[in-house]
Amino acid sequence: MQLTNLRGVYEAQGPFATVYLEARSPAADAEDQLRLRWQDLRSQLADAGTPDAALSELDESVTGPAPTEVHTEGRVLVADQNRVILDEHFDAAQGSGDIATVGEPPQLGDYVRHRLGAARMLVVIADQQQAVIRRLVVSGDDLLASGAEESVQGSSSESVHKPRQGALSHKQIQRSADEAATQNIRDISQRVAKIADSWNPDVIVVAGETQGRRGLHEELPKALQELTVEAETGGGIPSGSADEGTEEALRDELTVIARRVVIARSKEATDRYGEATGHGRSAEGAEEVRAAIRLGAVETLLLRQHERAEGEDQLLADATAGGASFGLVGAPVSGDVAAILRYQAPVQDVAD
């Protein structure tokens, strides 16, 4: 996975303040709880030398427009000397605790693991007239919205409903209904393609009533069809006639789809690492990986899900500068870090 947003973070001027706020259970006093949590973390950052300008920017990000959301969904934030340069949802299991650190480079290993363990999902709930589009980041059982929900209305003014009788006039109405549905689906497809081009989802899920979702699936550009799966739930949501049970069923199905995406991603990375090792294009352990980065040979840096590697933060920064992608490796590796290389490189000869 490419994490292109990290390049700008690492290119900023440090030292950096890194803050992790774990997700907490919703509560009536969530805003007060968050303020107390942040007060403690802010004091730690101030004592460690974080400039007032950066602290003020962090104040606004944490306790500004949506403090309850920050409290319940979690956050990871990074500030340089003057401004916040990373502000994203962070789904850490409750009990991991809040963290505030100051240093260079920023401490982003947990954030990278979070991104690798989550699925960016473009969900399109469609019928033959309209669609609701949602951008979601799904991590575990949590579905976090990334941007506002969007409604798309097809441009056809004709009805998509067909009469049951078989007279000629009825056949003409049927043909008109088919043409209207086709036009509406085409309009929805064009909007989905535009969003996908800028948002880069891991998977597109088309849901809703059968004819709408299947028509949309077939209308999408071929490259997007390969990213698309169909969900059997969601009927009635575009027209506003769905109940809470429909939303719950869709949520459950999206969670299952996201889990499959994450498992497949990790399996692919592990399989690629095994294949690369067989061809002499891998590095294992912090020393070999550092050597490979210095040689510009790292194609993909691989972390373990639950273990930190020695010097992990610097490895992430240097690998990002070298244009590497990131993955999670399912098999045990020495030092809990490994790399797939672009070519056979003499990493053992130049290792520390």
Protein backbone atom coordinates (compact mmCIF):
# COMPACT_ATOMS: atom_id res chain seq x y z
CA MET A 1 0.00 0.00 0.00
CA GLN A 2 1.26 3.45 -0.89
CA LEU A 3 0.85 5.99 1.93
CA THR A 4 1.53 9.12 -0.08
CA ASN A 5 0.35 11.44 2.69
CA LEU A 6 3.38 10.49 4.79
CA ARG A 7 5.88 12.08 2.43
CA GLY A 8 4.69 15.58 3.29
CA VAL A 9 4.81 14.73 7.00
CA TYR A 10 8.40 13.53 6.88
CA GLU A 11 9.51 16.45 4.71
CA ALA A 12 8.31 19.00 7.30
CA GLN A 13 10.67 20.64 9.79
CA GLY A 14 10.93 18.81 13.12
CA PRO A 15 11.10 18.07 15.97
CA PHE A 16 7.56 16.74 15.79
CA ALA A 17 4.78 16.38 18.34
CA THR A 18 2.98 13.06 17.84
CA VAL A 19 -0.33 12.45 19.62
CA TYR A 20 -2.44 9.30 19.77
CA LEU A 21 -5.89 9.55 21.34
CA GLU A 22 -7.53 6.16 21.74
CA ALA A 23 -11.21 5.74 20.93
CA ARG A 24 -13.42 5.76 24.03
CA SER A 25 -17.02 4.74 24.61
CA PRO A 26 -19.66 7.40 23.88
CA ALA A 27 -20.71 9.33 26.98
CA ALA A 28 -22.79 12.35 27.89
CA ASP A 29 -19.67 14.04 29.24
CA ALA A 30 -17.44 13.02 26.32
CA GLU A 31 -16.38 16.61 25.68
CA ASP A 32 -15.29 17.09 29.30
CA GLN A 33 -13.45 13.77 29.29
CA LEU A 34 -11.60 14.70 26.13
CA ARG A 35 -10.62 18.08 27.55
CA LEU A 36 -9.07 16.41 30.60
CA ARG A 37 -7.27 13.84 28.47
CA TRP A 38 -5.88 16.52 26.20
CA GLN A 39 -4.84 18.73 29.12
CA ASP A 40 -2.54 15.96 30.37
CA LEU A 41 -1.07 15.25 26.93
CA ARG A 42 -0.63 18.96 26.22
CA SER A 43 1.37 19.41 29.41
CA GLN A 44 3.67 16.57 28.37
CA LEU A 45 4.23 18.16 24.97
CA ALA A 46 4.86 21.61 26.46
CA ASP A 47 7.37 20.20 28.97
CA ALA A 48 9.16 18.49 26.07
CA GLY A 49 9.59 21.80 24.25
CA THR A 50 6.72 21.91 21.75
CA PRO A 51 6.34 25.52 20.53
CA ASP A 52 3.24 27.50 21.50
CA ALA A 53 2.23 27.85 17.85
CA ALA A 54 2.09 24.08 17.41
CA LEU A 55 0.23 23.62 20.69
CA SER A 56 -2.40 26.15 19.66
CA GLU A 57 -2.95 24.33 16.37
CA LEU A 58 -3.26 21.02 18.22
CA ASP A 59 -5.77 22.62 20.61
CA GLU A 60 -7.99 23.48 17.66
CA SER A 61 -7.73 20.00 16.12
CA VAL A 62 -8.48 18.15 19.36
CA THR A 63 -11.08 20.30 21.13
CA GLY A 64 -12.32 22.44 18.22
CA PRO A 65 -15.31 21.69 15.99
CA ALA A 66 -15.99 18.03 16.90
CA PRO A 67 -14.63 17.05 20.33
CA THR A 68 -17.18 14.27 20.88
CA GLU A 69 -16.17 12.67 17.58
CA VAL A 70 -12.49 12.85 18.54
CA HIS A 71 -13.29 11.20 21.88
CA THR A 72 -15.31 8.31 20.43
CA GLU A 73 -13.42 7.65 17.17
CA GLY A 74 -9.83 8.30 18.22
CA ARG A 75 -7.21 10.44 16.53
CA VAL A 76 -3.59 10.49 15.47
CA LEU A 77 -2.06 13.93 15.07
CA VAL A 78 1.39 15.17 14.13
CA ALA A 79 2.49 18.79 14.41
CA ASP A 80 5.72 20.34 13.22
CA GLN A 81 7.01 23.55 14.77
CA ASN A 82 4.07 25.62 13.55
CA ARG A 83 1.09 23.59 12.36
CA VAL A 84 -0.73 20.25 12.36
CA ILE A 85 0.48 18.20 9.39
CA LEU A 86 -1.42 14.96 10.07
CA ASP A 87 -4.91 14.66 11.57
CA GLU A 88 -6.70 11.35 10.98
CA HIS A 89 -8.99 8.85 12.64
CA PHE A 90 -7.18 6.25 14.70
CA ASP A 91 -8.96 3.12 15.85
CA ALA A 92 -6.88 1.79 18.72
CA ALA A 93 -8.33 -0.79 21.06
CA GLN A 94 -9.40 0.77 24.33
CA GLY A 95 -6.73 0.11 26.91
CA SER A 96 -3.77 0.98 24.69
CA GLY A 97 -3.79 4.45 26.23
CA ASP A 98 -3.21 7.97 24.98
CA ILE A 99 0.32 8.84 23.88
CA ALA A 100 2.17 12.12 23.39
CA THR A 101 5.78 12.20 22.19
CA VAL A 102 8.20 14.79 20.86
CA GLY A 103 11.04 13.83 18.59
CA GLU A 104 12.33 13.30 15.11
CA PRO A 105 11.04 11.55 13.08
CA PRO A 106 7.40 11.38 14.25
CA GLN A 107 6.25 8.12 15.83
CA LEU A 108 3.99 6.70 13.12
CA GLY A 109 4.39 2.93 13.32
CA ASP A 110 1.01 2.43 15.00
CA TYR A 111 -0.66 4.72 12.46
CA VAL A 112 0.85 2.78 9.54
CA ARG A 113 -0.39 -0.49 11.06
CA HIS A 114 -3.83 1.05 11.48
CA ARG A 115 -3.93 2.07 7.82
CA LEU A 116 -2.76 -1.37 6.70
CA GLY A 117 -5.41 -3.01 8.87
CA ALA A 118 -8.25 -0.83 7.58
CA ALA A 119 -10.15 -0.75 4.29
CA ARG A 120 -11.00 2.44 2.40
CA MET A 121 -14.45 1.66 1.11
CA LEU A 122 -16.54 3.59 -1.42
CA VAL A 123 -20.10 2.44 -0.77
CA VAL A 124 -22.76 3.14 -3.40
CA ILE A 125 -26.32 2.25 -2.42
CA ALA A 126 -28.32 2.47 -5.62
CA ASP A 127 -31.67 1.88 -7.22
CA GLN A 128 -32.58 2.70 -10.82
CA GLN A 129 -33.25 6.36 -10.09
CA GLN A 130 -30.73 7.53 -7.54
CA ALA A 131 -27.91 6.57 -5.21
CA VAL A 132 -26.40 7.38 -1.85
CA ILE A 133 -22.58 7.45 -1.82
CA ARG A 134 -20.56 7.03 1.36
CA ARG A 135 -16.81 7.15 1.87
CA LEU A 136 -15.92 4.89 4.79
CA VAL A 137 -12.76 3.73 6.49
CA VAL A 138 -13.56 0.36 8.05
CA SER A 139 -11.30 -0.94 10.80
CA GLY A 140 -12.45 -3.97 12.75
CA ASP A 141 -16.10 -3.36 13.59
CA ASP A 142 -15.81 0.42 13.30
CA LEU A 143 -17.12 2.25 10.22
CA LEU A 144 -15.76 5.79 10.17
CA ALA A 145 -17.10 8.32 7.69
CA SER A 146 -14.50 10.14 5.62
CA GLY A 147 -16.43 13.11 4.30
CA ALA A 148 -20.13 13.81 4.04
CA GLU A 149 -22.64 11.39 2.55
CA GLU A 150 -23.60 12.34 -1.00
CA SER A 151 -26.83 11.80 -2.92
CA VAL A 152 -26.88 11.43 -6.71
CA GLN A 153 -30.09 11.80 -8.69
CA GLY A 154 -30.33 10.40 -12.22
CA SER A 155 -31.04 12.98 -14.91
CA SER A 156 -33.89 11.15 -16.68
CA SER A 157 -37.32 12.71 -16.25
CA GLU A 158 -39.08 9.51 -17.31
CA SER A 159 -40.34 6.85 -14.91
CA VAL A 160 -38.31 3.66 -14.49
CA HIS A 161 -41.41 1.68 -13.52
CA LYS A 162 -42.84 -0.73 -16.11
CA PRO A 163 -46.49 -1.72 -16.64
CA ARG A 164 -47.37 -5.39 -16.39
CA GLN A 165 -49.63 -5.60 -19.48
CA GLY A 166 -48.28 -6.50 -22.90
CA ALA A 167 -50.07 -4.09 -25.27
CA LEU A 168 -48.03 -2.06 -27.73
CA SER A 169 -48.43 1.13 -25.72
CA HIS A 170 -47.26 -0.73 -22.67
CA LYS A 171 -44.21 -2.04 -24.55
CA GLN A 172 -43.37 1.52 -25.50
CA ILE A 173 -43.62 2.53 -21.86
CA GLN A 174 -41.41 -0.41 -20.92
CA ARG A 175 -38.80 0.68 -23.45
CA SER A 176 -38.95 4.23 -22.12
CA ALA A 177 -38.53 2.91 -18.57
CA ASP A 178 -35.48 0.87 -19.61
CA GLU A 179 -33.92 3.91 -21.27
CA ALA A 180 -34.60 6.04 -18.20
CA ALA A 181 -32.99 3.47 -15.89
CA THR A 182 -29.97 3.20 -18.19
CA GLN A 183 -29.48 6.97 -18.20
CA ASN A 184 -29.81 7.22 -14.44
CA ILE A 185 -27.33 4.40 -13.85
CA ARG A 186 -24.91 6.05 -16.28
CA ASP A 187 -25.14 9.31 -14.31
CA ILE A 188 -24.46 7.49 -11.05
CA SER A 189 -21.55 5.59 -12.59
CA GLN A 190 -19.90 8.80 -13.79
CA ARG A 191 -20.07 10.30 -10.31
CA VAL A 192 -18.70 7.14 -8.70
CA ALA A 193 -15.80 7.08 -11.17
CA LYS A 194 -14.93 10.70 -10.40
CA ILE A 195 -14.91 10.11 -6.64
CA ALA A 196 -12.90 6.90 -6.99
CA ASP A 197 -10.29 8.70 -9.09
CA SER A 198 -9.60 11.25 -6.35
CA TRP A 199 -10.24 9.14 -3.23
CA ASN A 200 -8.55 5.86 -4.27
CA PRO A 201 -10.67 3.29 -2.39
CA ASP A 202 -9.44 -0.21 -1.68
CA VAL A 203 -12.85 -1.58 -2.62
CA ILE A 204 -16.08 -0.28 -4.13
CA VAL A 205 -19.26 -1.80 -2.71
CA VAL A 206 -22.49 -1.49 -4.68
CA ALA A 207 -25.56 -2.20 -2.57
CA GLY A 208 -29.31 -1.68 -2.76
CA GLU A 209 -32.06 -3.24 -4.83
CA THR A 210 -30.94 -5.91 -7.29
CA GLN A 211 -31.52 -4.18 -10.63
CA GLY A 212 -29.90 -0.95 -9.53
CA ARG A 213 -26.74 -2.44 -8.08
CA ARG A 214 -26.21 -4.94 -10.91
CA GLY A 215 -26.78 -2.29 -13.55
CA LEU A 216 -24.30 0.01 -11.82
CA HIS A 217 -21.71 -2.75 -11.46
CA GLU A 218 -21.88 -3.43 -15.20
CA GLU A 219 -21.78 0.28 -16.11
CA LEU A 220 -18.63 1.12 -14.13
CA PRO A 221 -15.34 1.39 -16.05
CA LYS A 222 -13.53 -1.94 -16.28
CA ALA A 223 -10.75 -0.92 -13.90
CA LEU A 224 -13.34 -0.06 -11.24
CA GLN A 225 -15.35 -3.21 -11.89
CA GLU A 226 -12.30 -5.16 -10.76
CA LEU A 227 -12.43 -3.32 -7.41
CA THR A 228 -16.19 -3.77 -7.01
CA VAL A 229 -18.19 -6.25 -4.97
CA GLU A 230 -21.95 -6.38 -4.54
CA ALA A 231 -23.73 -6.31 -1.19
CA GLU A 232 -27.18 -7.84 -1.00
CA THR A 233 -28.47 -5.38 1.60
CA GLY A 234 -29.33 -1.69 1.52
CA GLY A 235 -32.60 -1.72 -0.41
CA GLY A 236 -34.71 1.36 0.29
CA ILE A 237 -31.86 3.54 1.53
CA PRO A 238 -31.63 5.76 -1.60
CA SER A 239 -35.37 6.50 -1.51
CA GLY A 240 -35.42 7.03 2.24
CA SER A 241 -37.76 4.10 2.91
CA ALA A 242 -35.26 1.85 4.72
CA ASP A 243 -35.49 1.15 8.43
CA GLU A 244 -32.78 0.76 11.07
CA GLY A 245 -32.65 -2.98 10.45
CA THR A 246 -31.61 -2.37 6.84
CA GLU A 247 -28.79 -0.07 7.92
CA GLU A 248 -27.64 -2.61 10.51
CA ALA A 249 -27.63 -5.43 7.97
CA LEU A 250 -25.62 -3.29 5.55
CA ARG A 251 -23.17 -2.37 8.28
CA ASP A 252 -22.61 -6.04 9.13
CA GLU A 253 -22.04 -6.92 5.48
CA LEU A 254 -19.58 -4.06 5.00
CA THR A 255 -17.60 -5.21 8.02
CA VAL A 256 -17.28 -8.70 6.53
CA ILE A 257 -16.20 -7.32 3.15
CA ALA A 258 -13.60 -5.06 4.79
CA ARG A 259 -12.18 -7.97 6.77
CA ARG A 260 -11.76 -9.96 3.57
CA VAL A 261 -9.93 -7.04 1.94
CA VAL A 262 -7.50 -6.71 4.86
CA ILE A 263 -6.83 -10.46 5.05
CA ALA A 264 -6.23 -10.63 1.30
CA ARG A 265 -3.86 -7.65 1.49
CA SER A 266 -1.76 -9.26 4.23
CA LYS A 267 -1.72 -12.62 2.44
CA GLU A 268 -0.59 -10.97 -0.77
CA ALA A 269 2.26 -9.18 1.02
CA THR A 270 3.34 -12.37 2.78
CA ASP A 271 3.22 -14.38 -0.45
CA ARG A 272 5.19 -11.71 -2.32
CA TYR A 273 7.81 -11.70 0.43
CA GLY A 274 8.17 -15.48 0.21
CA GLU A 275 8.55 -15.31 -3.55
CA ALA A 276 11.07 -12.45 -3.32
CA THR A 277 13.11 -14.38 -0.75
CA GLY A 278 13.28 -17.33 -3.13
CA HIS A 279 14.75 -15.02 -5.79
CA GLY A 280 17.21 -13.22 -3.51
CA ARG A 281 15.21 -9.99 -3.47
CA SER A 282 14.44 -9.60 0.23
CA ALA A 283 15.94 -8.21 3.40
CA GLU A 284 15.18 -9.31 6.95
CA GLY A 285 15.91 -7.59 10.23
CA ALA A 286 16.59 -3.92 10.95
CA GLU A 287 20.24 -3.95 9.83
CA GLU A 288 19.57 -5.51 6.44
CA VAL A 289 16.53 -3.33 5.84
CA ARG A 290 18.51 -0.17 6.68
CA ALA A 291 21.19 -1.25 4.22
CA ALA A 292 18.60 -1.90 1.53
CA ILE A 293 17.07 1.54 2.08
CA ARG A 294 20.50 3.18 1.73
CA LEU A 295 20.92 1.35 -1.58
CA GLY A 296 17.52 2.56 -2.78
CA ALA A 297 16.43 -1.07 -3.15
CA VAL A 298 13.30 -1.25 -0.97
CA GLU A 299 10.09 -1.71 -2.91
CA THR A 300 7.89 -2.64 0.08
CA LEU A 301 8.66 -2.29 3.78
CA LEU A 302 6.95 -5.01 5.82
CA LEU A 303 5.98 -4.70 9.48
CA ARG A 304 4.52 -7.19 11.92
CA GLN A 305 1.01 -6.39 13.16
CA HIS A 306 1.68 -6.52 16.90
CA GLU A 307 5.46 -6.06 17.28
CA ARG A 308 7.62 -2.99 16.87
CA ALA A 309 10.98 -3.20 15.15
CA GLU A 310 14.19 -1.62 16.38
CA GLY A 311 14.46 1.91 14.98
CA GLU A 312 11.09 1.51 13.33
CA ASP A 313 10.23 5.21 13.08
CA GLN A 314 13.44 6.02 11.20
CA LEU A 315 12.95 3.02 8.92
CA LEU A 316 9.49 4.30 8.02
CA ALA A 317 10.78 7.81 7.34
CA ASP A 318 13.68 6.62 5.19
CA ALA A 319 11.57 4.09 3.29
CA THR A 320 8.98 6.78 2.54
CA ALA A 321 11.69 9.07 1.18
CA GLY A 322 12.77 6.23 -1.10
CA GLY A 323 9.27 5.77 -2.52
CA ALA A 324 8.57 2.44 -0.81
CA SER A 325 5.12 1.03 -0.20
CA PHE A 326 4.11 -0.69 3.05
CA GLY A 327 2.60 -3.97 4.10
CA LEU A 328 2.03 -6.36 6.99
CA VAL A 329 3.80 -9.71 6.89
CA GLY A 330 1.96 -12.65 8.41
CA ALA A 331 5.01 -14.88 8.86
CA PRO A 332 7.55 -14.36 11.68
CA VAL A 333 10.64 -12.44 10.53
CA SER A 334 13.89 -11.64 12.29
CA GLY A 335 13.72 -8.33 14.12
CA ASP A 336 10.02 -7.97 13.25
CA VAL A 337 10.76 -6.08 10.03
CA ALA A 338 11.51 -7.13 6.46
CA ALA A 339 11.50 -5.76 2.95
CA ILE A 340 10.76 -6.83 -0.59
CA LEU A 341 13.52 -5.45 -2.81
CA ARG A 342 13.38 -4.00 -6.30
CA TYR A 343 16.45 -6.00 -7.29
CA GLN A 344 19.08 -8.29 -5.81
CA ALA A 345 21.13 -6.05 -3.53
CA PRO A 346 24.23 -6.82 -1.43
CA VAL A 347 22.48 -5.90 1.82
CA GLN A 348 24.52 -8.25 3.99
CA ASP A 349 27.76 -6.68 2.76
CA VAL A 350 26.72 -3.13 3.65
CA ALA A 351 24.57 -3.82 6.75
CA ASP A 352 25.49 -2.00 9.97
